Amino acid sequence: MGEPPEAKPGDNVVYSFLLASPAGTVTDATAGWDVCETPKPPAENNSVASACNPPAPGATTGQTFTAPVLINACTLFGPIAPPVAAGQPAIRPRDPDSTGGYYLPVRVKFPDLATGSLTGFAFERITCNLANAATTVVAQFNQEYQPNNDPGIAATDLIRADSSRLNLDSGVQTIAVGETVVLEASFAAGSAETFPVLDPSGDALVLQTESLSMSWFATSGSFEHDRTGVAGDDTATSTSNTWKAPDEAVPAVYMWLVLRDSRGGTAFKAYTIQVTQ
């Protein structure tokens, strides 16, 4: 994840990772990092170009990675058409996602894990100028648009069948083997931000509110859903999931909740639950 989650070309971003394992959150791992500078060809179906997968010369190693957003990021990955080489057809600029956003891929690779190597990508949202919009609309957008901020998980409660609540943020909680509970995670204030998006007609702005998506992970037991969340027009301040504890005692079930907003912001929390006979 990048901090801030949205930045202009040339601005520095600090990247970090969450690495989970059966023994809990890994806090001492190091990774190799590099910024992808290759746009995805139209013929490729992956989220990033295959050329971004090999280790780049001069990649940085560490638990965090600080790098500026590429100066030409809005040309490589955004709405600005790249220069046309002599004798070649014009290259079509990138289309925005449903929130009007463009993203810079940043690669992270763990080469020496016990289970082998692991590669992942962060997608840093790039602040780019509007394309194909009237001058008055561009001026309005520049005045009203605010770069994305990360959402937040305020607290998570474990709700038992008798409606009693245990707060997971207060420490390790204990439940019985095979017990089915509801986990309710509340969003921090301001997690779902409202922002202007260019109407497909290109002559007006419309306001859109971020949707929020929560991914649920645990080292044991089972969730009813892998992902829950709220749509942009939903005013709910929390999301919940049902979790069934394992059918045998476990001293520590490690759990991670990862919250994402629709503009690329990310937040997570880690919890531990003890399961006893």
Protein backbone atom coordinates (compact mmCIF):
# COMPACT_ATOMS: atom_id res chain seq x y z
CA MET A 1 0.00 0.00 0.00
CA GLY A 2 1.15 3.53 -0.73
CA GLU A 3 1.06 6.56 1.53
CA PRO A 4 -0.47 8.81 0.37
CA PRO A 5 -2.80 6.58 -1.67
CA GLU A 6 -3.01 9.19 -4.45
CA ALA A 7 -0.19 11.43 -5.62
CA LYS A 8 0.82 13.74 -8.45
CA PRO A 9 3.69 12.92 -10.82
CA GLY A 10 6.95 13.78 -9.04
CA ASP A 11 5.50 13.43 -5.52
CA ASN A 12 7.14 10.92 -3.16
CA VAL A 13 5.14 7.91 -1.97
CA VAL A 14 6.09 5.51 0.84
CA TYR A 15 5.09 1.91 0.13
CA SER A 16 4.71 -0.84 2.74
CA PHE A 17 3.33 -4.38 2.82
CA LEU A 18 1.22 -6.68 4.97
CA LEU A 19 2.66 -10.22 4.97
CA ALA A 20 0.53 -12.83 6.72
CA SER A 21 1.54 -16.36 7.72
CA PRO A 22 0.11 -19.26 9.74
CA ALA A 23 2.14 -17.90 12.68
CA GLY A 24 0.67 -14.40 12.41
CA THR A 25 1.81 -11.16 10.81
CA VAL A 26 5.40 -11.32 9.57
CA THR A 27 7.17 -8.20 10.85
CA ASP A 28 10.80 -8.89 9.91
CA ALA A 29 10.54 -9.76 6.21
CA THR A 30 12.28 -7.73 3.54
CA ALA A 31 11.26 -7.46 -0.08
CA GLY A 32 12.55 -6.23 -3.41
CA TRP A 33 10.72 -3.24 -4.85
CA ASP A 34 10.57 -1.45 -8.18
CA VAL A 35 8.24 0.84 -10.10
CA CYS A 36 6.80 -0.48 -13.35
CA GLU A 37 7.46 1.76 -16.35
CA THR A 38 5.81 -0.45 -18.98
CA PRO A 39 2.15 0.13 -19.89
CA LYS A 40 0.07 -3.00 -20.37
CA PRO A 41 -0.35 -3.80 -24.07
CA PRO A 42 -4.01 -4.07 -25.21
CA ALA A 43 -3.46 -7.74 -26.09
CA GLU A 44 -2.61 -8.69 -22.49
CA ASN A 45 -5.38 -9.53 -20.02
CA ASN A 46 -3.40 -9.18 -16.79
CA SER A 47 -3.64 -6.14 -14.53
CA VAL A 48 -0.03 -5.25 -15.34
CA ALA A 49 2.26 -5.80 -18.31
CA SER A 50 4.11 -9.10 -18.28
CA ALA A 51 7.31 -7.07 -18.72
CA CYS A 52 6.80 -5.76 -15.16
CA ASN A 53 7.25 -9.20 -13.61
CA PRO A 54 11.02 -9.80 -13.95
CA PRO A 55 13.21 -8.10 -11.33
CA ALA A 56 14.23 -4.67 -12.55
CA PRO A 57 17.89 -3.60 -12.48
CA GLY A 58 18.54 -1.45 -9.46
CA ALA A 59 15.47 -2.62 -7.54
CA THR A 60 15.43 -1.53 -3.89
CA THR A 61 15.30 -3.98 -0.98
CA GLY A 62 13.68 -3.25 2.39
CA GLN A 63 10.54 -3.34 4.53
CA THR A 64 9.39 -0.03 3.03
CA PHE A 65 10.09 1.68 -0.27
CA THR A 66 10.04 5.40 -1.03
CA ALA A 67 9.88 6.55 -4.63
CA PRO A 68 8.47 9.47 -6.60
CA VAL A 69 5.55 8.92 -8.94
CA LEU A 70 7.00 8.85 -12.45
CA ILE A 71 7.00 12.29 -14.05
CA ASN A 72 5.48 10.78 -17.18
CA ALA A 73 3.02 8.53 -15.29
CA CYS A 74 -0.03 10.26 -16.80
CA THR A 75 1.38 9.49 -20.26
CA LEU A 76 2.37 5.89 -19.54
CA PHE A 77 -0.69 4.95 -17.48
CA GLY A 78 -3.10 7.89 -17.79
CA PRO A 79 -5.15 10.02 -20.18
CA ILE A 80 -2.30 11.76 -22.03
CA ALA A 81 -1.54 10.21 -25.39
CA PRO A 82 2.15 9.31 -25.70
CA PRO A 83 4.26 10.78 -28.53
CA VAL A 84 3.82 9.07 -31.88
CA ALA A 85 6.92 7.54 -33.43
CA ALA A 86 7.63 8.41 -37.05
CA GLY A 87 5.66 6.19 -39.39
CA GLN A 88 3.64 4.63 -36.55
CA PRO A 89 -0.09 5.02 -35.79
CA ALA A 90 -1.22 7.12 -32.85
CA ILE A 91 -1.39 5.31 -29.51
CA ARG A 92 -4.68 5.48 -27.69
CA PRO A 93 -4.44 6.88 -24.14
CA ARG A 94 -5.62 4.84 -21.16
CA ASP A 95 -9.25 4.73 -20.07
CA PRO A 96 -10.02 5.65 -16.46
CA ASP A 97 -11.67 3.26 -14.04
CA SER A 98 -15.23 3.90 -12.86
CA THR A 99 -13.98 6.57 -10.43
CA GLY A 100 -12.00 8.45 -13.07
CA GLY A 101 -8.72 7.05 -11.77
CA TYR A 102 -5.40 5.93 -13.26
CA TYR A 103 -2.82 3.77 -11.49
CA LEU A 104 0.93 3.24 -11.39
CA PRO A 105 1.99 -0.39 -10.71
CA VAL A 106 4.67 -0.94 -8.06
CA ARG A 107 6.12 -4.44 -7.77
CA VAL A 108 7.06 -6.12 -4.49
CA LYS A 109 8.79 -9.51 -4.42
CA PHE A 110 9.67 -11.80 -1.52
CA PRO A 111 12.34 -14.16 -2.91
CA ASP A 112 13.18 -16.24 0.16
CA LEU A 113 9.98 -17.26 1.92
CA ALA A 114 9.75 -20.79 3.33
CA THR A 115 7.09 -21.57 0.74
CA GLY A 116 9.12 -20.08 -2.13
CA SER A 117 9.06 -16.69 -3.80
CA LEU A 118 6.01 -14.44 -3.81
CA THR A 119 5.29 -11.43 -6.03
CA GLY A 120 2.59 -8.80 -5.66
CA PHE A 121 1.69 -5.37 -6.95
CA ALA A 122 0.52 -2.15 -5.37
CA PHE A 123 -1.45 0.28 -7.54
CA GLU A 124 -0.77 3.91 -6.72
CA ARG A 125 -3.50 6.27 -7.90
CA ILE A 126 -2.11 9.09 -10.06
CA THR A 127 -3.55 12.60 -10.03
CA CYS A 128 -3.87 13.47 -13.72
CA ASN A 129 -5.57 16.33 -15.54
CA LEU A 130 -8.95 15.74 -17.12
CA ALA A 131 -8.86 14.82 -20.78
CA ASN A 132 -11.49 15.61 -23.42
CA ALA A 133 -13.38 18.02 -21.18
CA ALA A 134 -14.49 21.59 -21.68
CA THR A 135 -12.24 24.30 -20.22
CA THR A 136 -14.91 25.35 -17.71
CA VAL A 137 -15.33 21.74 -16.56
CA VAL A 138 -11.57 21.32 -16.12
CA ALA A 139 -11.45 24.49 -14.01
CA GLN A 140 -14.33 23.28 -11.85
CA PHE A 141 -12.72 19.85 -11.43
CA ASN A 142 -9.38 21.37 -10.39
CA GLN A 143 -11.18 23.47 -7.79
CA GLU A 144 -13.37 20.72 -6.33
CA TYR A 145 -11.34 17.50 -6.58
CA GLN A 146 -9.49 16.32 -3.47
CA PRO A 147 -6.91 13.48 -3.69
CA ASN A 148 -7.92 10.26 -2.03
CA ASN A 149 -7.23 9.51 1.63
CA ASP A 150 -7.04 6.01 3.06
CA PRO A 151 -10.18 4.60 4.71
CA GLY A 152 -9.95 3.24 8.24
CA ILE A 153 -11.23 0.43 10.46
CA ALA A 154 -12.36 2.08 13.67
CA ALA A 155 -13.10 -1.08 15.68
CA THR A 156 -14.23 -4.69 15.34
CA ASP A 157 -16.70 -6.47 17.61
CA LEU A 158 -17.27 -10.21 17.94
CA ILE A 159 -20.99 -10.84 18.49
CA ARG A 160 -22.02 -14.16 20.04
CA ALA A 161 -25.32 -16.01 19.65
CA ASP A 162 -26.64 -14.46 22.89
CA SER A 163 -25.96 -10.98 21.40
CA SER A 164 -23.10 -10.30 23.81
CA ARG A 165 -20.17 -8.41 22.31
CA LEU A 166 -16.42 -8.82 22.65
CA ASN A 167 -14.22 -6.00 21.38
CA LEU A 168 -11.31 -7.44 19.40
CA ASP A 169 -9.35 -4.19 19.62
CA SER A 170 -9.10 -4.54 23.40
CA GLY A 171 -7.00 -7.73 23.21
CA VAL A 172 -7.18 -11.49 22.57
CA GLN A 173 -10.71 -12.83 23.03
CA THR A 174 -11.71 -16.44 23.75
CA ILE A 175 -14.58 -18.44 22.25
CA ALA A 176 -15.56 -22.11 22.17
CA VAL A 177 -14.65 -24.69 19.53
CA GLY A 178 -17.17 -24.79 16.68
CA GLU A 179 -18.85 -21.59 17.85
CA THR A 180 -20.41 -19.41 15.14
CA VAL A 181 -20.10 -15.67 15.68
CA VAL A 182 -20.62 -12.45 13.76
CA LEU A 183 -17.72 -10.07 13.27
CA GLU A 184 -18.78 -6.46 12.84
CA ALA A 185 -16.17 -3.94 11.67
CA SER A 186 -17.00 -0.24 11.84
CA PHE A 187 -15.51 2.30 9.45
CA ALA A 188 -13.54 5.30 10.65
CA ALA A 189 -15.24 8.64 10.04
CA GLY A 190 -14.68 9.96 6.54
CA SER A 191 -13.73 6.57 5.05
CA ALA A 192 -16.19 6.91 2.16
CA GLU A 193 -15.30 10.21 0.49
CA THR A 194 -17.33 12.12 -2.11
CA PHE A 195 -15.57 13.40 -5.22
CA PRO A 196 -16.37 14.71 -8.73
CA VAL A 197 -16.13 12.47 -11.80
CA LEU A 198 -16.35 13.51 -15.43
CA ASP A 199 -19.67 12.56 -17.01
CA PRO A 200 -19.25 10.36 -20.11
CA SER A 201 -20.61 13.26 -22.16
CA GLY A 202 -17.49 15.25 -21.21
CA ASP A 203 -19.41 18.45 -20.49
CA ALA A 204 -20.32 18.06 -16.81
CA LEU A 205 -19.14 16.70 -13.48
CA VAL A 206 -21.13 14.30 -11.32
CA LEU A 207 -20.54 13.57 -7.66
CA GLN A 208 -19.65 10.02 -6.66
CA THR A 209 -19.17 8.52 -3.20
CA GLU A 210 -16.59 5.79 -2.67
CA SER A 211 -17.70 2.23 -2.15
CA LEU A 212 -15.91 0.27 0.60
CA SER A 213 -14.83 -3.36 0.35
CA MET A 214 -13.62 -5.52 3.25
CA SER A 215 -11.60 -8.72 2.66
CA TRP A 216 -11.50 -11.25 5.51
CA PHE A 217 -8.66 -13.69 6.24
CA ALA A 218 -8.02 -16.17 9.07
CA THR A 219 -5.56 -18.99 9.73
CA SER A 220 -8.33 -21.31 10.90
CA GLY A 221 -12.11 -21.54 10.95
CA SER A 222 -14.26 -20.39 8.04
CA PHE A 223 -15.93 -17.15 6.94
CA GLU A 224 -19.34 -17.07 5.29
CA HIS A 225 -17.99 -14.53 2.77
CA ASP A 226 -14.50 -13.78 1.50
CA ARG A 227 -15.47 -10.15 0.97
CA THR A 228 -18.19 -7.81 2.20
CA GLY A 229 -18.73 -4.07 1.95
CA VAL A 230 -21.03 -1.18 1.13
CA ALA A 231 -21.88 0.48 -2.17
CA GLY A 232 -21.27 4.14 -2.79
CA ASP A 233 -24.93 5.03 -2.21
CA ASP A 234 -25.07 3.08 1.06
CA THR A 235 -24.79 5.13 4.27
CA ALA A 236 -23.94 2.11 6.46
CA THR A 237 -21.06 2.74 8.85
CA SER A 238 -20.01 -0.89 9.27
CA THR A 239 -19.81 -4.24 7.54
CA SER A 240 -20.15 -7.71 9.04
CA ASN A 241 -19.33 -11.35 8.33
CA THR A 242 -20.11 -14.67 9.96
CA TRP A 243 -17.19 -16.79 11.14
CA LYS A 244 -17.29 -20.37 12.42
CA ALA A 245 -14.51 -21.31 14.82
CA PRO A 246 -12.56 -24.51 14.15
CA ASP A 247 -13.82 -27.76 15.68
CA GLU A 248 -10.70 -28.18 17.76
CA ALA A 249 -8.92 -26.01 20.29
CA VAL A 250 -6.46 -23.50 18.80
CA PRO A 251 -4.28 -21.32 21.05
CA ALA A 252 -4.23 -18.52 18.49
CA VAL A 253 -6.28 -17.96 15.35
CA TYR A 254 -4.76 -15.03 13.48
CA MET A 255 -7.16 -12.84 11.57
CA TRP A 256 -6.69 -9.94 9.15
CA LEU A 257 -9.26 -7.46 7.88
CA VAL A 258 -8.27 -5.46 4.79
CA LEU A 259 -10.43 -2.46 3.88
CA ARG A 260 -10.25 -0.85 0.44
CA ASP A 261 -12.06 2.12 -1.02
CA SER A 262 -12.95 2.39 -4.70
CA ARG A 263 -10.21 4.97 -5.37
CA GLY A 264 -7.38 2.67 -4.30
CA GLY A 265 -7.04 3.52 -0.60
CA THR A 266 -6.25 0.69 1.82
CA ALA A 267 -6.30 0.00 5.56
CA PHE A 268 -5.94 -3.17 7.59
CA LYS A 269 -6.08 -4.52 11.13
CA ALA A 270 -4.83 -7.78 12.61
CA TYR A 271 -6.55 -9.66 15.44
CA THR A 272 -6.01 -12.83 17.48
CA ILE A 273 -8.75 -15.14 18.81
CA GLN A 274 -8.25 -18.09 21.17
CA VAL A 275 -10.45 -21.14 20.61
CA THR A 276 -10.91 -23.45 23.62
CA GLN A 277 -12.87 -26.60 24.52
